[in-house]
Protein backbone atom coordinates (compact mmCIF):
# COMPACT_ATOMS: atom_id res chain seq x y z
CA UNK A 1 14.59 35.64 -11.97
CA UNK A 2 11.81 36.11 -9.40
CA UNK A 3 9.80 32.91 -8.75
CA UNK A 4 6.50 34.63 -9.51
CA UNK A 5 7.52 35.48 -13.08
CA UNK A 6 6.72 32.04 -14.43
CA UNK A 7 5.37 33.33 -17.76
CA UNK A 8 8.59 35.20 -18.52
CA UNK A 9 10.63 32.15 -17.48
CA UNK A 10 8.61 29.97 -19.84
CA UNK A 11 9.07 32.48 -22.66
CA UNK A 12 12.84 32.49 -22.15
CA UNK A 13 12.94 28.70 -22.07
CA UNK A 14 10.83 28.43 -25.22
CA UNK A 15 13.17 30.83 -26.97
CA UNK A 16 16.11 28.66 -26.00
CA UNK A 17 14.37 25.42 -26.95
CA UNK A 18 12.48 26.47 -30.11
CA UNK A 19 13.15 29.97 -31.41
CA UNK A 20 16.96 29.91 -31.31
CA UNK A 21 17.31 26.41 -32.86
CA UNK A 22 14.71 27.30 -35.51
CA UNK A 23 16.46 30.55 -36.32
CA UNK A 24 19.76 28.71 -36.55
CA UNK A 25 18.25 26.19 -38.97
CA UNK A 26 16.72 28.95 -41.11
CA UNK A 27 20.01 30.85 -41.27
CA UNK A 28 21.91 27.67 -42.16
CA UNK A 29 19.48 26.76 -44.93
CA UNK A 30 19.53 30.31 -46.26
CA UNK A 31 23.32 30.31 -46.28
CA UNK A 32 23.28 27.05 -48.25
CA UNK A 33 20.68 28.42 -50.62
CA UNK A 34 18.09 25.83 -49.66
CA UNK A 35 14.51 27.04 -49.65
CA UNK A 36 11.77 24.78 -48.32
CA UNK A 37 8.23 25.14 -49.55
CA UNK A 38 5.40 25.79 -47.08
CA UNK A 39 4.38 22.11 -47.15
CA UNK A 40 7.85 20.88 -46.13
CA UNK A 41 8.75 23.70 -43.75
CA UNK A 42 6.63 22.69 -40.75
CA UNK A 43 7.55 18.95 -40.75
CA UNK A 44 11.20 19.85 -41.28
CA UNK A 45 11.22 22.27 -38.37
CA UNK A 46 9.45 19.77 -36.09
CA UNK A 47 11.87 17.00 -37.05
CA UNK A 48 14.78 19.36 -36.46
CA UNK A 49 13.51 20.42 -33.03
CA UNK A 50 13.01 16.81 -31.95
CA UNK A 51 16.47 15.93 -33.25
CA UNK A 52 17.89 18.97 -31.47
CA UNK A 53 16.31 17.84 -28.17
CA UNK A 54 17.60 14.29 -28.61
CA UNK A 55 21.11 15.47 -29.45
CA UNK A 56 21.10 17.84 -26.48
CA UNK A 57 19.98 14.96 -24.28
CA UNK A 58 22.79 12.75 -25.61
CA UNK A 59 25.40 15.44 -24.96
CA UNK A 60 23.92 16.07 -21.53
CA UNK A 61 24.16 12.37 -20.70
CA UNK A 62 27.76 12.26 -21.91
CA UNK A 63 28.65 15.29 -19.82
CA UNK A 64 26.98 13.75 -16.75
CA UNK A 65 28.73 10.43 -17.37
CA UNK A 66 32.10 12.19 -17.52
CA UNK A 67 31.42 14.12 -14.30
CA UNK A 68 30.14 10.99 -12.56
CA UNK A 69 33.32 9.16 -13.50
CA UNK A 70 35.41 12.01 -12.10
CA UNK A 71 33.44 11.77 -8.84
CA UNK A 72 33.75 7.98 -8.74
CA UNK A 73 29.96 7.65 -8.85
CA UNK A 74 27.42 5.47 -10.64
CA UNK A 75 24.33 6.84 -12.42
CA UNK A 76 20.90 6.65 -10.84
CA UNK A 77 18.78 4.14 -12.70
CA UNK A 78 16.53 5.75 -15.33
CA UNK A 79 12.93 5.02 -16.22
CA UNK A 80 12.70 3.93 -19.87
CA UNK A 81 9.41 4.66 -21.64
CA UNK A 82 8.21 3.81 -25.11
CA UNK A 83 7.79 7.40 -26.32
CA UNK A 84 10.42 10.13 -26.67
CA UNK A 85 10.99 12.04 -23.47
CA UNK A 86 9.10 9.37 -21.48
CA UNK A 87 5.88 11.19 -22.37
CA UNK A 88 3.99 7.91 -22.13
CA UNK A 89 5.24 7.48 -18.55
CA UNK A 90 4.11 11.01 -17.67
CA UNK A 91 0.62 10.46 -19.15
CA UNK A 92 0.32 7.11 -17.40
CA UNK A 93 1.24 8.66 -14.06
CA UNK A 94 -1.17 11.59 -14.46
CA UNK A 95 -4.00 9.18 -15.26
CA UNK A 96 -3.13 6.88 -12.35
CA UNK A 97 -3.07 9.74 -9.82
CA UNK A 98 -6.85 10.08 -10.20
CA UNK A 99 -7.69 6.66 -8.78
CA UNK A 100 -4.53 5.36 -7.12
CA UNK A 101 -3.70 4.93 -3.47
CA UNK A 102 -1.54 7.68 -2.01
CA UNK A 103 1.97 7.53 -3.57
CA UNK A 104 1.26 4.13 -5.13
CA UNK A 105 2.17 5.56 -8.56
CA UNK A 106 5.75 5.98 -7.33
CA UNK A 107 5.80 2.68 -5.45
CA UNK A 108 4.89 0.81 -8.62
CA UNK A 109 7.83 2.42 -10.43
CA UNK A 110 10.20 1.37 -7.65
CA UNK A 111 8.83 -2.17 -7.80
CA UNK A 112 9.09 -2.27 -11.59
CA UNK A 113 12.73 -1.17 -11.61
CA UNK A 114 13.69 -2.98 -8.39
CA UNK A 115 15.33 -0.01 -6.68
CA UNK A 116 14.54 2.70 -4.15
CA UNK A 117 15.86 5.72 -6.07
CA UNK A 118 14.94 6.47 -9.71
CA UNK A 119 15.43 9.10 -12.37
CA UNK A 120 12.07 9.50 -14.19
CA UNK A 121 13.75 11.56 -16.95
CA UNK A 122 10.49 13.17 -18.11
CA UNK A 123 10.89 15.39 -21.20
CA UNK A 124 14.63 14.71 -21.17
CA UNK A 125 14.99 16.47 -17.81
CA UNK A 126 16.39 14.66 -14.77
CA UNK A 127 13.87 14.26 -11.96
CA UNK A 128 14.88 12.02 -9.06
CA UNK A 129 12.38 10.23 -6.82
CA UNK A 130 13.51 8.31 -3.74
CA UNK A 131 12.14 6.23 -0.88
CA UNK A 132 15.69 5.34 0.16
CA UNK A 133 16.43 6.18 3.77
CA UNK A 134 20.11 6.91 3.16
CA UNK A 135 19.32 9.29 0.34
CA UNK A 136 16.58 11.09 2.28
CA UNK A 137 18.97 11.44 5.22
CA UNK A 138 21.61 12.95 2.93
CA UNK A 139 19.19 15.44 1.40
CA UNK A 140 17.78 16.55 4.76
CA UNK A 141 20.77 16.30 7.04
CA UNK A 142 24.25 15.06 6.21
CA UNK A 143 24.31 16.65 2.75
CA UNK A 144 22.04 19.59 3.60
CA UNK A 145 24.37 22.17 2.05
CA UNK A 146 24.07 20.55 -1.39
CA UNK A 147 20.30 21.16 -1.60
CA UNK A 148 17.74 23.94 -1.32
CA UNK A 149 14.08 24.55 -2.12
CA UNK A 150 15.16 25.64 -5.55
CA UNK A 151 13.61 27.55 -8.44
CA UNK A 152 10.99 25.03 -9.56
CA UNK A 153 9.30 24.58 -6.19
CA UNK A 154 9.36 28.29 -5.39
CA UNK A 155 7.76 29.01 -8.76
CA UNK A 156 4.90 26.56 -8.09
CA UNK A 157 4.29 27.87 -4.57
CA UNK A 158 5.02 31.58 -4.97
CA UNK A 159 1.45 32.85 -5.20
CA UNK A 160 0.44 30.80 -2.15
CA UNK A 161 3.38 30.89 0.31
CA UNK A 162 5.51 33.63 -1.23
CA UNK A 163 8.19 34.84 1.19
CA UNK A 164 7.18 32.34 3.91
CA UNK A 165 9.57 29.93 5.62
CA UNK A 166 8.53 26.93 3.49
CA UNK A 167 9.27 28.74 0.23
CA UNK A 168 12.62 30.37 0.94
CA UNK A 169 16.25 29.43 1.46
CA UNK A 170 19.43 30.76 2.98
CA UNK A 171 19.22 34.10 4.81
CA UNK A 172 15.46 34.64 4.48
CA UNK A 173 14.80 31.11 5.74
CA UNK A 174 17.23 31.59 8.66
CA UNK A 175 15.53 34.85 9.59
CA UNK A 176 12.08 33.21 9.65
CA UNK A 177 13.36 30.29 11.71
CA UNK A 178 15.11 32.50 14.25
CA UNK A 179 11.98 34.60 14.67
CA UNK A 180 9.75 31.54 15.16
CA UNK A 181 12.02 29.46 17.41
CA UNK A 182 11.31 31.26 20.75
CA UNK A 183 7.58 30.62 20.37
CA UNK A 184 7.99 26.85 20.40
CA UNK A 185 10.08 26.66 23.56
CA UNK A 186 8.89 24.19 26.21
CA UNK A 187 7.49 26.83 28.58
CA UNK A 188 5.13 28.03 25.85
CA UNK A 189 4.01 24.71 24.38
CA UNK A 190 3.40 23.08 27.78
CA UNK A 191 0.95 25.79 28.87
CA UNK A 192 -2.19 23.73 28.37
CA UNK A 193 -4.85 26.31 29.30
CA UNK A 194 -5.26 27.27 25.65
CA UNK A 195 -5.53 23.63 24.57
CA UNK A 196 -8.17 23.06 27.24
CA UNK A 197 -10.34 25.96 26.11
CA UNK A 198 -10.51 24.86 22.47
CA UNK A 199 -10.74 21.18 23.34
CA UNK A 200 -13.84 21.89 25.44
CA UNK A 201 -15.45 23.82 22.60
CA UNK A 202 -14.71 21.00 20.16
CA UNK A 203 -15.99 18.24 22.43
CA UNK A 204 -19.14 20.22 23.19
CA UNK A 205 -19.89 20.14 19.46
CA UNK A 206 -19.23 16.38 19.35
CA UNK A 207 -21.45 15.82 22.40
CA UNK A 208 -24.26 17.81 20.83
CA UNK A 209 -24.08 15.78 17.61
CA UNK A 210 -23.89 12.52 19.55
CA UNK A 211 -26.90 13.42 21.68
CA UNK A 212 -28.93 14.01 18.51
CA UNK A 213 -27.82 10.69 17.03
CA UNK A 214 -25.69 12.26 14.29
CA UNK A 215 -22.18 11.36 13.17
CA UNK A 216 -19.41 13.95 13.02
CA UNK A 217 -17.04 14.78 10.17
CA UNK A 218 -13.88 14.76 12.29
CA UNK A 219 -11.35 15.88 9.69
CA UNK A 220 -13.24 19.15 9.28
CA UNK A 221 -13.77 19.51 13.04
CA UNK A 222 -10.13 18.86 13.91
CA UNK A 223 -9.04 21.37 11.26
CA UNK A 224 -11.16 24.00 12.98
CA UNK A 225 -9.86 23.03 16.42
CA UNK A 226 -6.20 23.23 15.39
CA UNK A 227 -6.65 26.47 13.44
CA UNK A 228 -8.48 28.29 16.25
CA UNK A 229 -5.97 27.10 18.87
CA UNK A 230 -3.01 28.02 16.66
CA UNK A 231 -4.40 31.44 15.81
CA UNK A 232 -4.70 32.38 19.49
CA UNK A 233 -1.36 30.80 20.39
CA UNK A 234 0.47 32.64 17.61
CA UNK A 235 -1.56 35.77 16.95
CA UNK A 236 -3.57 36.33 20.11
CA UNK A 237 -6.72 36.15 17.95
CA UNK A 238 -9.43 33.48 17.84
CA UNK A 239 -10.51 32.98 14.25
CA UNK A 240 -13.71 31.33 15.59
CA UNK A 241 -13.97 28.68 12.91
CA UNK A 242 -15.52 26.35 15.51
CA UNK A 243 -18.51 28.71 15.55
CA UNK A 244 -19.18 28.25 11.84
CA UNK A 245 -21.58 25.87 10.10
CA UNK A 246 -20.56 22.22 10.43
CA UNK A 247 -20.87 19.66 7.63
CA UNK A 248 -24.34 18.08 7.49
CA UNK A 249 -24.48 14.26 7.35
CA UNK A 250 -25.65 13.02 3.97
CA UNK A 251 -25.86 16.51 2.48
CA UNK A 252 -22.33 17.89 2.52
CA UNK A 253 -20.46 17.56 -0.74
CA UNK A 254 -16.77 16.85 -1.17
CA UNK A 255 -14.38 19.79 -0.99
CA UNK A 256 -10.81 19.98 -2.33
CA UNK A 257 -9.42 18.06 0.67
CA UNK A 258 -12.47 17.03 2.69
CA UNK A 259 -15.91 18.51 3.32
CA UNK A 260 -17.29 21.71 1.84
CA UNK A 261 -19.32 24.17 3.90
CA UNK A 262 -20.91 27.32 2.54
CA UNK A 263 -20.07 30.15 4.89
CA UNK A 264 -17.13 32.48 5.54
CA UNK A 265 -15.06 29.67 7.04
CA UNK A 266 -16.02 27.34 4.21
CA UNK A 267 -14.82 29.88 1.65
CA UNK A 268 -11.49 30.23 3.45
CA UNK A 269 -11.04 26.46 3.85
CA UNK A 270 -11.91 25.83 0.21
CA UNK A 271 -9.43 28.44 -1.02
CA UNK A 272 -6.77 27.26 1.44
CA UNK A 273 -7.12 23.65 0.31
CA UNK A 274 -7.62 24.37 -3.38
CA UNK A 275 -4.39 26.38 -3.41
CA UNK A 276 -2.57 23.30 -2.10
CA UNK A 277 -4.26 21.08 -4.69
CA UNK A 278 -3.23 23.41 -7.52
CA UNK A 279 0.39 23.36 -6.33
CA UNK A 280 0.28 19.55 -6.26
CA UNK A 281 -1.20 19.41 -9.77
CA UNK A 282 1.55 21.70 -11.01
CA UNK A 283 4.14 19.36 -9.56
CA UNK A 284 2.57 16.36 -11.27
CA UNK A 285 2.45 18.11 -14.65
CA UNK A 286 6.05 19.11 -14.16
CA UNK A 287 8.15 21.55 -16.11
CA UNK A 288 5.39 22.62 -18.53
CA UNK A 289 2.70 23.51 -15.97
CA UNK A 290 2.90 27.27 -16.85
CA UNK A 291 1.52 26.42 -20.31
CA UNK A 292 -1.85 25.74 -18.65
CA UNK A 293 -1.81 29.04 -16.74
CA UNK A 294 -0.56 31.48 -19.35
CA UNK A 295 -3.53 33.80 -19.08
CA UNK A 296 -4.40 33.37 -15.42
CA UNK A 297 -2.62 32.14 -12.33
CA UNK A 298 -5.09 29.59 -10.94
CA UNK A 299 -4.22 30.56 -7.38
CA UNK A 300 -4.98 34.27 -7.69
CA UNK A 301 -8.64 33.84 -6.76
CA UNK A 302 -7.81 31.55 -3.85
CA UNK A 303 -5.30 34.03 -2.49
CA UNK A 304 -7.80 36.88 -2.68
CA UNK A 305 -10.02 34.98 -0.23
CA UNK A 306 -7.11 34.01 2.04
CA UNK A 307 -5.76 37.55 2.14
CA UNK A 308 -9.17 38.87 3.12
CA UNK A 309 -8.80 36.79 6.28
CA UNK A 310 -5.15 37.52 7.04
CA UNK A 311 -4.58 41.11 5.96
CA UNK A 312 -6.66 42.64 8.79
CA UNK A 313 -4.51 40.71 11.30
CA UNK A 314 -1.34 42.04 9.68
CA UNK A 315 -2.61 45.63 9.61
CA UNK A 316 -3.59 45.44 13.27
CA UNK A 317 -0.17 44.09 14.25
CA UNK A 318 1.63 46.90 12.40
CA UNK A 319 -0.72 49.52 13.86
CA UNK A 320 -0.13 48.16 17.38
CA UNK A 321 3.61 48.29 16.76
CA UNK A 322 3.48 51.96 15.72
CA UNK A 323 1.32 52.87 18.72
CA UNK A 324 3.71 51.07 21.08
CA UNK A 325 6.68 52.90 19.55
CA UNK A 326 4.96 56.26 19.98
CA UNK A 327 4.18 55.42 23.59
CA UNK A 328 7.75 54.29 24.22
CA UNK A 329 6.62 50.75 25.12
CA UNK A 330 9.03 47.91 24.40
CA UNK A 331 7.71 44.64 25.81
CA UNK A 332 10.04 41.63 26.18
CA UNK A 333 9.67 38.73 23.74
CA UNK A 334 8.17 36.53 26.48
CA UNK A 335 5.13 38.84 26.65
CA UNK A 336 4.57 39.05 22.89
CA UNK A 337 2.62 36.92 20.46
CA UNK A 338 4.34 35.50 17.43
CA UNK A 339 2.54 38.08 15.30
CA UNK A 340 3.84 40.97 17.42
CA UNK A 341 7.37 39.59 17.39
CA UNK A 342 7.22 39.14 13.61
CA UNK A 343 5.95 42.70 13.15
CA UNK A 344 8.88 43.94 15.27
CA UNK A 345 11.29 42.27 12.84
CA UNK A 346 9.91 43.88 9.66
CA UNK A 347 7.50 46.51 8.36
CA UNK A 348 6.78 44.51 5.21
CA UNK A 349 3.11 43.40 5.39
CA UNK A 350 3.59 40.85 2.57
CA UNK A 351 6.48 39.17 4.39
CA UNK A 352 4.45 39.03 7.61
CA UNK A 353 1.38 37.63 5.85
CA UNK A 354 3.37 34.97 4.00
CA UNK A 355 5.01 33.81 7.20
CA UNK A 356 1.65 33.71 9.01
CA UNK A 357 0.17 31.60 6.24
CA UNK A 358 3.10 29.19 6.34
CA UNK A 359 2.79 28.71 10.10
CA UNK A 360 -0.99 28.30 9.85
CA UNK A 361 -0.53 25.64 7.17
CA UNK A 362 1.81 23.69 9.42
CA UNK A 363 -0.12 24.08 12.66
CA UNK A 364 -3.54 23.35 11.15
CA UNK A 365 -2.89 20.56 8.68
CA UNK A 366 -0.32 18.48 10.56
CA UNK A 367 -2.10 18.10 13.91
CA UNK A 368 -5.53 17.81 12.29
CA UNK A 369 -4.15 15.03 10.07
CA UNK A 370 -2.70 13.23 13.09
CA UNK A 371 -5.93 13.41 15.12
CA UNK A 372 -8.00 12.30 12.12
CA UNK A 373 -5.97 9.15 11.55
CA UNK A 374 -5.79 8.34 15.29
CA UNK A 375 -9.59 8.48 15.35
CA UNK A 376 -9.73 6.31 12.24
CA UNK A 377 -7.62 3.64 13.88
CA UNK A 378 -9.58 3.80 17.14
CA UNK A 379 -12.70 3.15 15.07
CA UNK A 380 -11.36 0.14 13.17
CA UNK A 381 -9.36 -1.26 16.10
CA UNK A 382 -11.56 -0.98 19.24
CA UNK A 383 -8.92 -2.76 21.33
CA UNK A 384 -6.55 0.15 20.71
CA UNK A 385 -9.21 2.62 21.86
CA UNK A 386 -9.90 0.59 25.01
CA UNK A 387 -6.21 0.35 25.87
CA UNK A 388 -5.72 4.05 25.26
CA UNK A 389 -8.69 4.94 27.44
CA UNK A 390 -7.48 2.68 30.25
CA UNK A 391 -4.12 4.48 30.24
CA UNK A 392 -5.83 7.87 30.24
CA UNK A 393 -8.01 6.95 33.23
CA UNK A 394 -5.00 5.51 35.06
CA UNK A 395 -2.95 8.71 34.72
CA UNK A 396 -5.59 11.45 34.61
CA UNK A 397 -8.75 9.92 36.01
CA UNK A 398 -12.18 10.47 34.46
CA UNK A 399 -12.10 14.28 34.78
CA UNK A 400 -8.56 15.46 35.55
CA UNK A 401 -6.83 17.84 33.17
CA UNK A 402 -3.64 16.24 31.82
CA UNK A 403 -0.33 17.81 32.76
CA UNK A 404 2.94 17.81 30.87
CA UNK A 405 4.15 15.03 33.18
CA UNK A 406 0.97 12.97 32.59
CA UNK A 407 1.47 13.14 28.83
CA UNK A 408 5.15 12.26 29.16
CA UNK A 409 4.26 9.17 31.24
CA UNK A 410 1.55 7.82 28.90
CA UNK A 411 3.76 5.48 26.89
CA UNK A 412 0.99 3.74 25.00
CA UNK A 413 -0.48 7.03 23.77
CA UNK A 414 2.92 8.09 22.50
CA UNK A 415 3.27 4.69 20.80
CA UNK A 416 -0.10 5.10 19.07
CA UNK A 417 0.79 8.61 17.90
CA UNK A 418 4.19 7.44 16.65
CA UNK A 419 2.64 4.55 14.77
CA UNK A 420 0.03 6.78 13.14
CA UNK A 421 2.76 9.22 12.10
CA UNK A 422 4.81 6.34 10.72
CA UNK A 423 2.02 5.08 8.47
CA UNK A 424 0.49 8.49 7.70
CA UNK A 425 3.10 11.27 7.99
CA UNK A 426 1.30 14.61 7.53
CA UNK A 427 3.77 15.55 4.79
CA UNK A 428 3.99 12.27 2.83
CA UNK A 429 6.33 13.64 0.16
CA UNK A 430 8.56 16.65 -0.21
CA UNK A 431 10.89 18.17 -2.79
CA UNK A 432 14.36 19.67 -2.86
CA UNK A 433 16.65 20.78 -5.68
CA UNK A 434 20.38 20.18 -5.84
CA UNK A 435 22.53 23.29 -5.95
CA UNK A 436 24.41 24.17 -9.13
CA UNK A 437 27.38 21.92 -8.41
CA UNK A 438 26.85 18.14 -8.85
CA UNK A 439 27.24 15.95 -5.77
CA UNK A 440 26.94 12.28 -4.87
CA UNK A 441 24.30 10.42 -2.88
CA UNK A 442 25.57 7.67 -0.57
CA UNK A 443 25.17 4.02 -1.55
CA UNK A 444 21.59 2.76 -1.27
CA UNK A 445 20.34 0.92 1.81
CA UNK A 446 18.65 -1.56 -0.58
CA UNK A 447 20.82 -2.99 -3.33
CA UNK A 448 18.18 -5.15 -5.14
CA UNK A 449 21.03 -7.05 -6.72
CA UNK A 450 23.12 -3.94 -7.41
CA UNK A 451 26.34 -4.67 -5.54
CA UNK A 452 28.15 -1.63 -6.90
CA UNK A 453 29.56 0.11 -3.79
CA UNK A 454 29.99 3.47 -5.50
CA UNK A 455 27.81 6.45 -4.53
CA UNK A 456 25.16 7.75 -6.92
CA UNK A 457 25.71 10.75 -9.15
CA UNK A 458 23.35 13.65 -8.43
CA UNK A 459 23.36 16.25 -11.25
CA UNK A 460 23.42 19.91 -10.31
CA UNK A 461 20.19 21.92 -10.51
CA UNK A 462 18.07 18.76 -10.40
CA UNK A 463 14.81 18.15 -8.52
CA UNK A 464 14.70 15.29 -6.02
CA UNK A 465 11.44 14.14 -4.46
CA UNK A 466 11.77 12.15 -1.24
CA UNK A 467 8.85 10.09 0.03
CA UNK A 468 8.61 9.67 3.84
CA UNK A 469 5.37 7.69 3.63
CA UNK A 470 6.97 5.00 1.47
CA UNK A 471 10.20 5.02 3.45
CA UNK A 472 8.34 4.55 6.74
CA UNK A 473 6.45 1.58 5.28
CA UNK A 474 9.55 -0.03 3.79
CA UNK A 475 9.76 -3.71 4.91
CA UNK A 476 13.56 -3.61 4.73
CA UNK A 477 13.56 -0.99 7.49
CA UNK A 478 10.46 -1.96 9.46
CA UNK A 479 10.11 -5.69 8.92
CA UNK A 480 7.54 -7.78 7.02
CA UNK A 481 4.69 -6.20 8.99
CA UNK A 482 5.65 -2.67 7.90
CA UNK A 483 2.13 -2.01 6.55
CA UNK A 484 0.45 -3.22 9.76
CA UNK A 485 -0.77 -0.75 12.38
CA UNK A 486 0.97 -2.01 15.52
CA UNK A 487 1.70 0.50 18.32
CA UNK A 488 3.45 -2.25 20.25
CA UNK A 489 6.48 -1.92 17.97
CA UNK A 490 7.25 1.32 19.85
CA UNK A 491 7.17 -0.34 23.29
CA UNK A 492 9.50 -3.31 22.89
CA UNK A 493 13.23 -2.46 23.10
CA UNK A 494 14.22 -5.23 20.71
CA UNK A 495 11.84 -3.86 18.04
CA UNK A 496 12.89 -0.23 18.31
CA UNK A 497 16.63 -0.84 18.61
CA UNK A 498 17.06 -0.49 14.85
CA UNK A 499 15.22 2.84 14.92
CA UNK A 500 17.32 4.08 17.86
CA UNK A 501 20.46 3.24 15.91
CA UNK A 502 19.09 4.86 12.74
CA UNK A 503 16.63 7.61 13.73
CA UNK A 504 16.15 9.12 10.26
CA UNK A 505 14.25 6.01 9.14
CA UNK A 506 11.35 7.73 10.96
CA UNK A 507 11.03 11.38 10.00
CA UNK A 508 7.38 12.53 9.99
CA UNK A 509 8.53 16.02 11.01
CA UNK A 510 11.52 16.06 8.64
CA UNK A 511 15.12 16.03 9.90
CA UNK A 512 18.29 18.08 9.87
CA UNK A 513 18.45 21.90 9.95
CA UNK A 514 14.89 22.24 8.59
CA UNK A 515 13.31 19.87 11.12
CA UNK A 516 9.86 21.08 12.17
CA UNK A 517 10.04 23.60 15.01
CA UNK A 518 6.47 22.78 16.03
CA UNK A 519 6.74 19.00 16.42
CA UNK A 520 6.54 19.07 20.23
CA UNK A 521 3.66 21.54 20.04
CA UNK A 522 1.86 19.04 17.78
CA UNK A 523 2.58 16.10 20.11
CA UNK A 524 1.34 18.03 23.14
CA UNK A 525 -1.77 19.42 21.45
CA UNK A 526 -2.77 16.03 20.03
CA UNK A 527 -2.08 14.22 23.30
CA UNK A 528 -4.05 16.73 25.35
CA UNK A 529 -7.01 16.53 23.01
CA UNK A 530 -6.97 12.72 22.96
CA UNK A 531 -6.95 12.56 26.76
CA UNK A 532 -10.05 14.72 26.96
CA UNK A 533 -11.71 12.88 24.08
CA UNK A 534 -11.17 9.49 25.75
CA UNK A 535 -12.42 10.79 29.08
CA UNK A 536 -15.65 11.74 27.32
CA UNK A 537 -16.17 8.91 24.80
CA UNK A 538 -15.24 5.25 24.72
CA UNK A 539 -16.56 3.98 21.37
CA UNK A 540 -15.79 5.19 17.88
CA UNK A 541 -17.53 3.83 14.77
CA UNK A 542 -17.02 4.76 11.14
CA UNK A 543 -20.13 5.97 9.29
CA UNK A 544 -19.25 5.25 5.63
CA UNK A 545 -22.86 5.72 4.55
CA UNK A 546 -22.32 9.48 4.93
CA UNK A 547 -19.12 9.65 2.90
CA UNK A 548 -19.68 11.73 -0.27
CA UNK A 549 -19.84 9.91 -3.60
CA UNK A 550 -16.38 9.13 -4.92
CA UNK A 551 -14.66 9.28 -1.53
CA UNK A 552 -14.59 5.57 -0.66
CA UNK A 553 -11.77 3.26 -1.84
CA UNK A 554 -12.16 1.96 -5.43
CA UNK A 555 -12.76 -1.81 -5.77
CA UNK A 556 -9.48 -2.32 -7.65
CA UNK A 557 -7.50 -1.51 -4.51
CA UNK A 558 -8.42 -4.94 -3.17
CA UNK A 559 -6.09 -6.59 -5.68
CA UNK A 560 -3.05 -4.57 -4.59
CA UNK A 561 -0.81 -5.38 -1.65
CA UNK A 562 -0.19 -3.28 1.44
CA UNK A 563 -2.66 -1.14 3.35
CA UNK A 564 -4.76 -0.25 0.33
CA UNK A 565 -6.10 -3.82 0.19
CA UNK A 566 -7.75 -3.29 3.62
CA UNK A 567 -8.19 0.49 3.70
CA UNK A 568 -11.64 1.83 4.54
CA UNK A 569 -10.87 5.43 3.60
CA UNK A 570 -9.13 7.12 0.68
CA UNK A 571 -5.91 8.81 1.84
CA UNK A 572 -4.61 11.42 -0.60
CA UNK A 573 -1.97 14.15 -0.65
CA UNK A 574 -1.94 17.81 -1.64
CA UNK A 575 1.12 19.25 0.13
CA UNK A 576 -0.24 17.54 3.26
CA UNK A 577 -2.07 14.26 3.79
CA UNK A 578 -5.87 14.16 4.01
CA UNK A 579 -8.85 11.83 3.63
CA UNK A 580 -11.04 12.37 0.57
CA UNK A 581 -14.51 13.47 1.58
CA UNK A 582 -13.46 13.72 5.22
CA UNK A 583 -13.99 11.09 7.92
CA UNK A 584 -17.50 10.55 9.27
CA UNK A 585 -17.52 8.96 12.74
CA UNK A 586 -20.09 8.16 15.43
CA UNK A 587 -18.98 8.69 19.02
CA UNK A 588 -20.43 6.70 21.89
CA UNK A 589 -20.59 6.62 25.67
CA UNK A 590 -21.08 3.26 27.34
CA UNK A 591 -20.25 4.72 30.76
CA UNK A 592 -21.20 8.02 32.32
CA UNK A 593 -17.95 9.93 32.24
CA UNK A 594 -17.79 13.56 31.19
CA UNK A 595 -15.29 16.33 30.88
């Protein structure tokens, strides 16, 4: 069944769950000559359906227990709620998502059940969540063949990412990856002229705001910077979002993932971010999300706006391809943009558009997220900013353009970037689905009193959500200061030896066959921008008075442990990590140094 046919899928499932059992009951009662009156019919049918679901669940558990025994595995610990189907747990989680710290809803479950992998068993369906490093490693790498994106995730994301690389498996995924790989080779991502052009434009905007005494909403600005740079790098086209209207201090309202602006770019950004939020909401609702979108796919309107931006690029690429073919021109891959190379591989405009959107999502959101949180830490830890700037001036001087070698040699900058990515990975959670055949997850790296050495039984066709943000803050892996921002941990051999021996405990760009192709592009782009930023400015100060209402941390966070007790912003997740209401910052110059 195609992922986009979610209404038909729901209808089929409802027939299996309600219509067929009800029809069976009616036939059985008719055969026995039992006729229920209208008053008794409805309660009887409801009681029968609930009993049917419970009995099915019991038989399912027995079947899983038998298979687990055959595999020599132990069951994953289950959440036990007070209501049938753990409905009370689901409602509690949905309510908590509105005010909780990022992923804290899941962390509290792990703490309650004293384990790092759990089966939430919502509505009698297995749903595995894990912050266990060994289990994440198995899903992403050593057991890669046992998992795929799966039906549920594709269904939630189909309208948005469609045939793109993040929403496909097997041959289609391999095709997308092979097409994209040449465009992230070192000779392309170390050509810094493009980075320099867009960095200058961005810093000119910051300088203008600073000169007028205004703060800057950096999450929005960095999103524009990364999108414009990526669009030229990949498509040969500047989308010119840096030329649009910027958020106005004290007047800009909160958008789906940051600030809202009311122009062409603002419409695109709102639709782009709202589409991600809708997908996240669907995931939180779970299996029954189509019930709330029976009459209208909530992402149709968002995609109409997004397609209005992308479709002209696709049409131009296909037209250029046809003209080149007529002229007998066949340029080598090295001279083509990613768009041109993609158009050479297919004539399907939908496939091209979906892949473009996937790559834009990755190139915009990940690097913008990284730069936003680096700026946040430079603002709350001035010593880090001073040390970073000293390293920049030592290697590049006050005006010199950084080279690939300069960036490679700036160890402290790499340590800061690594530490930011450890605490705030741009993709803080992700989802896979086990293939049809059951498999086993390796023993946990945290026993919590469970000394059973057997692997864990993973049912076939079951969703598993792995949580890099929680894994990378796990004290068992990173020590008692796991929640502390400390770049020095990346500079001392004795502190990083455990990571060197176990590299998948740090996976902000995923791992295994689906590891992010653009991770070095992101490192280089962020490093280049930070060098130029620190050549221009040397003080960074948060401006919380300009944060929109409802975007600052709730008072109740103070009573929780970890970073949320000291956090000055509200990190949240909708496919990728972001700061609610954006991040308002004042930039300063205490010395006369300019780009």
